[in-house]
C-alpha atoms as a PDB file:
ATOM      1  CA  MET A   1     109.423 182.596  62.690  1.00  0.00           C
ATOM      2  CA  THR A   2     108.578 182.355  66.392  1.00  0.00           C
ATOM      3  CA  LYS A   3     110.520 179.666  68.210  1.00  0.00           C
ATOM      4  CA  LEU A   4     108.429 177.029  69.930  1.00  0.00           C
ATOM      5  CA  SER A   5     110.328 177.722  73.154  1.00  0.00           C
ATOM      6  CA  ASP A   6     109.167 181.354  73.037  1.00  0.00           C
ATOM      7  CA  LYS A   7     105.614 180.197  72.447  1.00  0.00           C
ATOM      8  CA  ALA A   8     105.847 177.720  75.333  1.00  0.00           C
ATOM      9  CA  TRP A   9     107.202 180.357  77.711  1.00  0.00           C
ATOM     10  CA  LYS A  10     104.593 182.927  76.731  1.00  0.00           C
ATOM     11  CA  HIS A  11     101.811 180.388  77.213  1.00  0.00           C
ATOM     12  CA  CYS A  12     103.023 179.893  80.806  1.00  0.00           C
ATOM     13  CA  GLU A  13     103.645 183.547  81.654  1.00  0.00           C
ATOM     14  CA  ASP A  14     100.914 183.750  84.305  1.00  0.00           C
ATOM     15  CA  ILE A  15     102.200 180.640  86.065  1.00  0.00           C
ATOM     16  CA  ILE A  16     105.800 181.851  85.913  1.00  0.00           C
ATOM     17  CA  LYS A  17     104.748 185.217  87.308  1.00  0.00           C
ATOM     18  CA  ALA A  18     102.981 183.396  90.157  1.00  0.00           C
ATOM     19  CA  ILE A  19     106.209 181.481  90.873  1.00  0.00           C
ATOM     20  CA  HIS A  20     108.218 184.719  90.984  1.00  0.00           C
ATOM     21  CA  ASN A  21     105.638 186.250  93.332  1.00  0.00           C
ATOM     22  CA  HIS A  22     105.189 183.205  95.543  1.00  0.00           C
ATOM     23  CA  PRO A  23     105.894 183.918  99.235  1.00  0.00           C
ATOM     24  CA  PHE A  24     108.621 181.261  99.197  1.00  0.00           C
ATOM     25  CA  ASN A  25     110.666 183.140  96.612  1.00  0.00           C
ATOM     26  CA  LYS A  26     109.814 186.605  97.896  1.00  0.00           C
ATOM     27  CA  GLU A  27     110.910 185.669 101.401  1.00  0.00           C
ATOM     28  CA  LEU A  28     113.971 183.811 100.114  1.00  0.00           C
ATOM     29  CA  SER A  29     114.924 186.968  98.232  1.00  0.00           C
ATOM     30  CA  LYS A  30     114.701 188.999 101.450  1.00  0.00           C
ATOM     31  CA  GLY A  31     116.496 186.339 103.463  1.00  0.00           C
ATOM     32  CA  THR A  32     113.492 185.988 105.778  1.00  0.00           C
ATOM     33  CA  LEU A  33     112.260 182.570 104.660  1.00  0.00           C
ATOM     34  CA  ASN A  34     111.579 180.283 107.626  1.00  0.00           C
ATOM     35  CA  ILE A  35     114.478 177.832 107.872  1.00  0.00           C
ATOM     36  CA  GLU A  36     112.141 174.887 108.486  1.00  0.00           C
ATOM     37  CA  LYS A  37     110.308 175.656 105.252  1.00  0.00           C
ATOM     38  CA  PHE A  38     113.616 175.893 103.428  1.00  0.00           C
ATOM     39  CA  ALA A  39     114.709 172.609 105.001  1.00  0.00           C
ATOM     40  CA  TYR A  40     111.518 170.940 103.789  1.00  0.00           C
ATOM     41  CA  TYR A  41     112.129 172.374 100.324  1.00  0.00           C
ATOM     42  CA  ILE A  42     115.687 171.003 100.345  1.00  0.00           C
ATOM     43  CA  GLU A  43     114.451 167.597 101.464  1.00  0.00           C
ATOM     44  CA  GLN A  44     111.907 167.498  98.642  1.00  0.00           C
ATOM     45  CA  ASP A  45     114.495 168.784  96.176  1.00  0.00           C
ATOM     46  CA  ILE A  46     116.814 165.887  97.025  1.00  0.00           C
ATOM     47  CA  LEU A  47     114.029 163.433  96.211  1.00  0.00           C
ATOM     48  CA  TYR A  48     113.131 165.352  93.071  1.00  0.00           C
ATOM     49  CA  LEU A  49     116.691 165.611  91.729  1.00  0.00           C
ATOM     50  CA  GLN A  50     117.250 161.877  92.057  1.00  0.00           C
ATOM     51  CA  ASP A  51     114.407 161.155  89.636  1.00  0.00           C
ATOM     52  CA  PHE A  52     115.193 164.222  87.542  1.00  0.00           C
ATOM     53  CA  ALA A  53     118.664 162.786  86.896  1.00  0.00           C
ATOM     54  CA  ARG A  54     117.137 159.389  86.071  1.00  0.00           C
ATOM     55  CA  ALA A  55     114.754 161.049  83.620  1.00  0.00           C
ATOM     56  CA  TYR A  56     117.677 162.754  81.864  1.00  0.00           C
ATOM     57  CA  ALA A  57     119.413 159.379  81.612  1.00  0.00           C
ATOM     58  CA  ILE A  58     116.285 157.938  79.960  1.00  0.00           C
ATOM     59  CA  ILE A  59     116.329 160.815  77.470  1.00  0.00           C
ATOM     60  CA  ALA A  60     120.010 160.206  76.751  1.00  0.00           C
ATOM     61  CA  ALA A  61     119.258 156.555  75.979  1.00  0.00           C
ATOM     62  CA  LYS A  62     116.708 157.475  73.312  1.00  0.00           C
ATOM     63  CA  SER A  63     118.514 160.531  71.895  1.00  0.00           C
ATOM     64  CA  PRO A  64     120.513 160.851  68.656  1.00  0.00           C
ATOM     65  CA  LEU A  65     124.258 160.536  69.241  1.00  0.00           C
ATOM     66  CA  GLU A  66     124.726 164.296  69.004  1.00  0.00           C
ATOM     67  CA  TYR A  67     122.619 164.786  72.145  1.00  0.00           C
ATOM     68  CA  VAL A  68     123.618 161.744  74.212  1.00  0.00           C
ATOM     69  CA  LYS A  69     126.679 163.309  75.835  1.00  0.00           C
ATOM     70  CA  ILE A  70     124.780 166.540  76.518  1.00  0.00           C
ATOM     71  CA  TYR A  71     121.968 164.794  78.386  1.00  0.00           C
ATOM     72  CA  LEU A  72     124.338 162.525  80.285  1.00  0.00           C
ATOM     73  CA  ASN A  73     126.155 165.694  81.380  1.00  0.00           C
ATOM     74  CA  HIS A  74     122.847 167.235  82.426  1.00  0.00           C
ATOM     75  CA  SER A  75     122.069 164.095  84.410  1.00  0.00           C
ATOM     76  CA  MET A  76     125.434 164.354  86.153  1.00  0.00           C
ATOM     77  CA  ALA A  77     124.858 168.077  86.789  1.00  0.00           C
ATOM     78  CA  ALA A  78     121.661 167.226  88.654  1.00  0.00           C
ATOM     79  CA  PHE A  79     123.561 164.825  90.910  1.00  0.00           C
ATOM     80  CA  THR A  80     126.316 167.391  91.393  1.00  0.00           C
ATOM     81  CA  ALA A  81     123.796 170.033  92.432  1.00  0.00           C
ATOM     82  CA  GLU A  82     122.391 167.624  94.987  1.00  0.00           C
ATOM     83  CA  GLU A  83     125.746 166.607  96.423  1.00  0.00           C
ATOM     84  CA  GLU A  84     127.654 169.893  96.401  1.00  0.00           C
ATOM     85  CA  ILE A  85     124.925 172.451  97.003  1.00  0.00           C
ATOM     86  CA  ILE A  86     122.350 170.595  99.023  1.00  0.00           C
ATOM     87  CA  HIS A  87     124.285 168.008 101.016  1.00  0.00           C
ATOM     88  CA  GLU A  88     127.660 169.668 101.398  1.00  0.00           C
ATOM     89  CA  PHE A  89     126.540 173.236 101.992  1.00  0.00           C
ATOM     90  CA  PHE A  90     123.025 173.656 103.317  1.00  0.00           C
ATOM     91  CA  LYS A  91     122.780 170.379 105.183  1.00  0.00           C
ATOM     92  CA  LYS A  92     126.037 170.995 107.030  1.00  0.00           C
ATOM     93  CA  THR A  93     125.857 174.762 107.391  1.00  0.00           C
ATOM     94  CA  TYR A  94     122.332 174.870 108.786  1.00  0.00           C
ATOM     95  CA  ASN A  95     122.108 171.330 110.135  1.00  0.00           C
ATOM     96  CA  LEU A  96     118.830 170.886 108.289  1.00  0.00           C
ATOM     97  CA  ALA A  97     116.570 168.180 109.651  1.00  0.00           C
ATOM     98  CA  ASN A  98     114.810 165.546 107.563  1.00  0.00           C
ATOM     99  CA  THR A  99     111.122 164.907 108.125  1.00  0.00           C
ATOM    100  CA  GLY A 100     111.026 161.703 106.107  1.00  0.00           C
ATOM    101  CA  LYS A 101     107.929 163.099 104.422  1.00  0.00           C
ATOM    102  CA  LEU A 102     106.996 163.337 100.752  1.00  0.00           C
ATOM    103  CA  SER A 103     104.990 166.227  99.353  1.00  0.00           C
ATOM    104  CA  PRO A 104     102.165 165.639  96.844  1.00  0.00           C
ATOM    105  CA  ALA A 105     103.953 167.856  94.314  1.00  0.00           C
ATOM    106  CA  THR A 106     107.204 165.917  94.579  1.00  0.00           C
ATOM    107  CA  LEU A 107     105.393 162.649  93.947  1.00  0.00           C
ATOM    108  CA  ALA A 108     103.308 164.077  91.112  1.00  0.00           C
ATOM    109  CA  TYR A 109     106.195 165.864  89.409  1.00  0.00           C
ATOM    110  CA  THR A 110     108.723 163.024  89.525  1.00  0.00           C
ATOM    111  CA  SER A 111     106.102 160.473  88.466  1.00  0.00           C
ATOM    112  CA  TYR A 112     105.114 162.679  85.545  1.00  0.00           C
ATOM    113  CA  LEU A 113     108.709 163.137  84.374  1.00  0.00           C
ATOM    114  CA  ILE A 114     109.646 159.457  84.594  1.00  0.00           C
ATOM    115  CA  LYS A 115     106.431 158.398  82.840  1.00  0.00           C
ATOM    116  CA  THR A 116     106.778 161.012  80.100  1.00  0.00           C
ATOM    117  CA  CYS A 117     110.454 160.351  79.439  1.00  0.00           C
ATOM    118  CA  SER A 118     109.834 156.586  79.360  1.00  0.00           C
ATOM    119  CA  SER A 119     106.721 156.444  77.204  1.00  0.00           C
ATOM    120  CA  GLU A 120     106.524 159.606  75.089  1.00  0.00           C
ATOM    121  CA  PRO A 121     108.554 160.606  72.022  1.00  0.00           C
ATOM    122  CA  LEU A 122     111.918 162.254  72.643  1.00  0.00           C
ATOM    123  CA  GLU A 123     110.555 165.690  71.726  1.00  0.00           C
ATOM    124  CA  VAL A 124     107.838 165.514  74.381  1.00  0.00           C
ATOM    125  CA  ALA A 125     110.236 164.178  77.002  1.00  0.00           C
ATOM    126  CA  VAL A 126     112.622 167.068  76.348  1.00  0.00           C
ATOM    127  CA  ALA A 127     109.733 169.522  76.658  1.00  0.00           C
ATOM    128  CA  ALA A 128     108.668 168.070  80.007  1.00  0.00           C
ATOM    129  CA  MET A 129     112.206 168.436  81.400  1.00  0.00           C
ATOM    130  CA  LEU A 130     112.839 172.005  80.242  1.00  0.00           C
ATOM    131  CA  PRO A 131     110.713 174.108  82.658  1.00  0.00           C
ATOM    132  CA  CYS A 132     112.630 173.048  85.763  1.00  0.00           C
ATOM    133  CA  PRO A 133     116.053 174.454  84.803  1.00  0.00           C
ATOM    134  CA  TRP A 134     114.608 177.358  82.823  1.00  0.00           C
ATOM    135  CA  VAL A 135     112.302 178.551  85.611  1.00  0.00           C
ATOM    136  CA  TYR A 136     115.042 178.126  88.213  1.00  0.00           C
ATOM    137  CA  CYS A 137     117.425 180.152  86.070  1.00  0.00           C
ATOM    138  CA  GLU A 138     114.957 182.995  85.666  1.00  0.00           C
ATOM    139  CA  VAL A 139     113.962 182.957  89.337  1.00  0.00           C
ATOM    140  CA  GLY A 140     117.599 182.843  90.405  1.00  0.00           C
ATOM    141  CA  LYS A 141     118.565 185.797  88.219  1.00  0.00           C
ATOM    142  CA  ALA A 142     115.563 187.836  89.354  1.00  0.00           C
ATOM    143  CA  ILE A 143     116.307 187.201  93.027  1.00  0.00           C
ATOM    144  CA  ALA A 144     120.022 187.911  92.559  1.00  0.00           C
ATOM    145  CA  LYS A 145     119.199 191.438  91.380  1.00  0.00           C
ATOM    146  CA  LYS A 146     117.425 192.226  94.657  1.00  0.00           C
ATOM    147  CA  ALA A 147     119.033 190.003  97.271  1.00  0.00           C
ATOM    148  CA  ASP A 148     121.438 191.367  99.855  1.00  0.00           C
ATOM    149  CA  LYS A 149     124.998 190.005  99.807  1.00  0.00           C
ATOM    150  CA  ASN A 150     124.493 188.722 103.348  1.00  0.00           C
ATOM    151  CA  ASN A 151     121.382 186.769 102.382  1.00  0.00           C
ATOM    152  CA  PRO A 152     121.600 183.404 104.188  1.00  0.00           C
ATOM    153  CA  PHE A 153     120.419 181.674 101.015  1.00  0.00           C
ATOM    154  CA  SER A 154     123.055 183.315  98.787  1.00  0.00           C
ATOM    155  CA  LYS A 155     124.616 179.949  97.863  1.00  0.00           C
ATOM    156  CA  TRP A 156     121.297 178.826  96.388  1.00  0.00           C
ATOM    157  CA  ILE A 157     120.798 182.167  94.643  1.00  0.00           C
ATOM    158  CA  ASP A 158     124.314 182.262  93.203  1.00  0.00           C
ATOM    159  CA  THR A 159     124.016 178.730  91.854  1.00  0.00           C
ATOM    160  CA  TYR A 160     120.887 179.318  89.825  1.00  0.00           C
ATOM    161  CA  ALA A 161     121.824 182.861  88.797  1.00  0.00           C
ATOM    162  CA  SER A 162     125.254 181.782  87.561  1.00  0.00           C
ATOM    163  CA  GLU A 163     126.461 182.034  83.986  1.00  0.00           C
ATOM    164  CA  GLU A 164     127.390 178.356  84.090  1.00  0.00           C
ATOM    165  CA  PHE A 165     123.828 177.345  84.921  1.00  0.00           C
ATOM    166  CA  GLU A 166     122.412 179.732  82.312  1.00  0.00           C
ATOM    167  CA  ASN A 167     124.626 178.110  79.673  1.00  0.00           C
ATOM    168  CA  ILE A 168     123.169 174.701  80.529  1.00  0.00           C
ATOM    169  CA  VAL A 169     119.659 176.123  80.255  1.00  0.00           C
ATOM    170  CA  ASN A 170     120.365 177.792  76.911  1.00  0.00           C
ATOM    171  CA  GLU A 171     121.728 174.511  75.598  1.00  0.00           C
ATOM    172  CA  ALA A 172     118.547 172.730  76.655  1.00  0.00           C
ATOM    173  CA  ILE A 173     116.388 175.411  75.012  1.00  0.00           C
ATOM    174  CA  SER A 174     118.359 175.101  71.770  1.00  0.00           C
ATOM    175  CA  ILE A 175     117.798 171.347  71.665  1.00  0.00           C
ATOM    176  CA  PHE A 176     114.089 171.851  72.395  1.00  0.00           C
ATOM    177  CA  ASP A 177     113.802 174.203  69.405  1.00  0.00           C
ATOM    178  CA  ALA A 178     115.932 172.019  67.126  1.00  0.00           C
ATOM    179  CA  LEU A 179     113.672 169.048  67.807  1.00  0.00           C
ATOM    180  CA  ALA A 180     110.548 171.171  67.475  1.00  0.00           C
ATOM    181  CA  ASN A 181     111.634 172.430  64.039  1.00  0.00           C
ATOM    182  CA  LYS A 182     111.626 168.858  62.726  1.00  0.00           C
ATOM    183  CA  ALA A 183     108.482 167.745  64.548  1.00  0.00           C
ATOM    184  CA  THR A 184     104.956 167.462  63.198  1.00  0.00           C
ATOM    185  CA  LYS A 185     102.306 169.905  64.356  1.00  0.00           C
ATOM    186  CA  GLU A 186     100.794 167.174  66.508  1.00  0.00           C
ATOM    187  CA  VAL A 187     104.097 166.525  68.282  1.00  0.00           C
ATOM    188  CA  GLN A 188     104.692 170.263  68.700  1.00  0.00           C
ATOM    189  CA  ASN A 189     101.343 170.579  70.449  1.00  0.00           C
ATOM    190  CA  LYS A 190     102.247 167.696  72.747  1.00  0.00           C
ATOM    191  CA  MET A 191     105.520 169.474  73.508  1.00  0.00           C
ATOM    192  CA  LEU A 192     103.614 172.610  74.486  1.00  0.00           C
ATOM    193  CA  ASP A 193     101.272 170.579  76.687  1.00  0.00           C
ATOM    194  CA  ALA A 194     104.191 168.851  78.416  1.00  0.00           C
ATOM    195  CA  PHE A 195     105.967 172.149  78.993  1.00  0.00           C
ATOM    196  CA  TYR A 196     102.799 173.619  80.475  1.00  0.00           C
ATOM    197  CA  THR A 197     102.192 170.640  82.760  1.00  0.00           C
ATOM    198  CA  SER A 198     105.717 170.750  84.164  1.00  0.00           C
ATOM    199  CA  THR A 199     105.496 174.503  84.705  1.00  0.00           C
ATOM    200  CA  VAL A 200     102.292 174.057  86.697  1.00  0.00           C
ATOM    201  CA  LEU A 201     104.012 171.348  88.728  1.00  0.00           C
ATOM    202  CA  GLU A 202     106.876 173.767  89.388  1.00  0.00           C
ATOM    203  CA  TRP A 203     104.442 176.131  91.101  1.00  0.00           C
ATOM    204  CA  HIS A 204     102.995 173.296  93.174  1.00  0.00           C
ATOM    205  CA  PHE A 205     106.503 172.227  94.190  1.00  0.00           C
ATOM    206  CA  TRP A 206     107.293 175.691  95.600  1.00  0.00           C
ATOM    207  CA  ASN A 207     103.859 175.904  97.210  1.00  0.00           C
ATOM    208  CA  ASP A 208     104.025 172.504  98.892  1.00  0.00           C
ATOM    209  CA  ALA A 209     107.487 173.326 100.252  1.00  0.00           C
ATOM    210  CA  TYR A 210     106.298 176.654 101.648  1.00  0.00           C
ATOM    211  CA  ASN A 211     103.281 175.083 103.318  1.00  0.00           C
ATOM    212  CA  LYS A 212     105.183 171.908 104.308  1.00  0.00           C
ATOM    213  CA  THR A 213     102.404 169.887 102.704  1.00  0.00           C
ATOM    214  CA  GLU A 214     102.646 166.157 103.317  1.00  0.00           C
ATOM    215  CA  PHE A 215     101.327 163.537 100.919  1.00  0.00           C
ATOM    216  CA  ASP A 216      99.721 161.353 103.580  1.00  0.00           C
ATOM    217  CA  LYS A 217      98.581 164.029 106.018  1.00  0.00           C
ATOM    218  CA  ILE A 218      94.812 164.100 105.623  1.00  0.00           C
ATOM    219  CA  SER A 219      92.272 165.430 108.107  1.00  0.00           C
ATOM    220  CA  ASN A 220      90.597 162.639 110.042  1.00  0.00           C
ATOM    221  CA  PHE A 221      92.826 160.077 108.318  1.00  0.00           C
END
């Protein structure tokens, strides 16, 4: 029997391919990504991870006891990634500037996750949260195979290509499938829709960072 996670991933293959081939990730892989674009990405990622951690905490609150500790750990891992990787390393090493801006994708993605985790069944909430770590893991591993050891973004690459991060992702996938196996067909379809929506938002997040898109920057505004 095909796992629902496999079905979800296959349904999003074109989007995931577009993420792999996005100029942001291609240039990051080569170490040529403009530092201001990377700084904007980091700034948006800080905002994103704050709500991502909150969304995991919401999931933990509505989960069976067997999953509560796992999702609380995932919530803490999101905060740890922000503090240790973003603040402690990139902010200090490259003295990255903050613009104080919010990208449309950051607002859309975080709003979607908080709303879904708060109002939808646990299964759908879990599905909405899964693309972020899974896509990052796959992108990180793909870039790690090609990136030079002296790549200025190696800390980012090593984090998401690490075995430790992959273990967290595999754990999340296993829970997704365990919940899916007990879900009705209707709920399974909602899980697939949520997974797809978050994967699309992943692409927009990379794209907005690369283009330094600002939520309130409108022509003739």
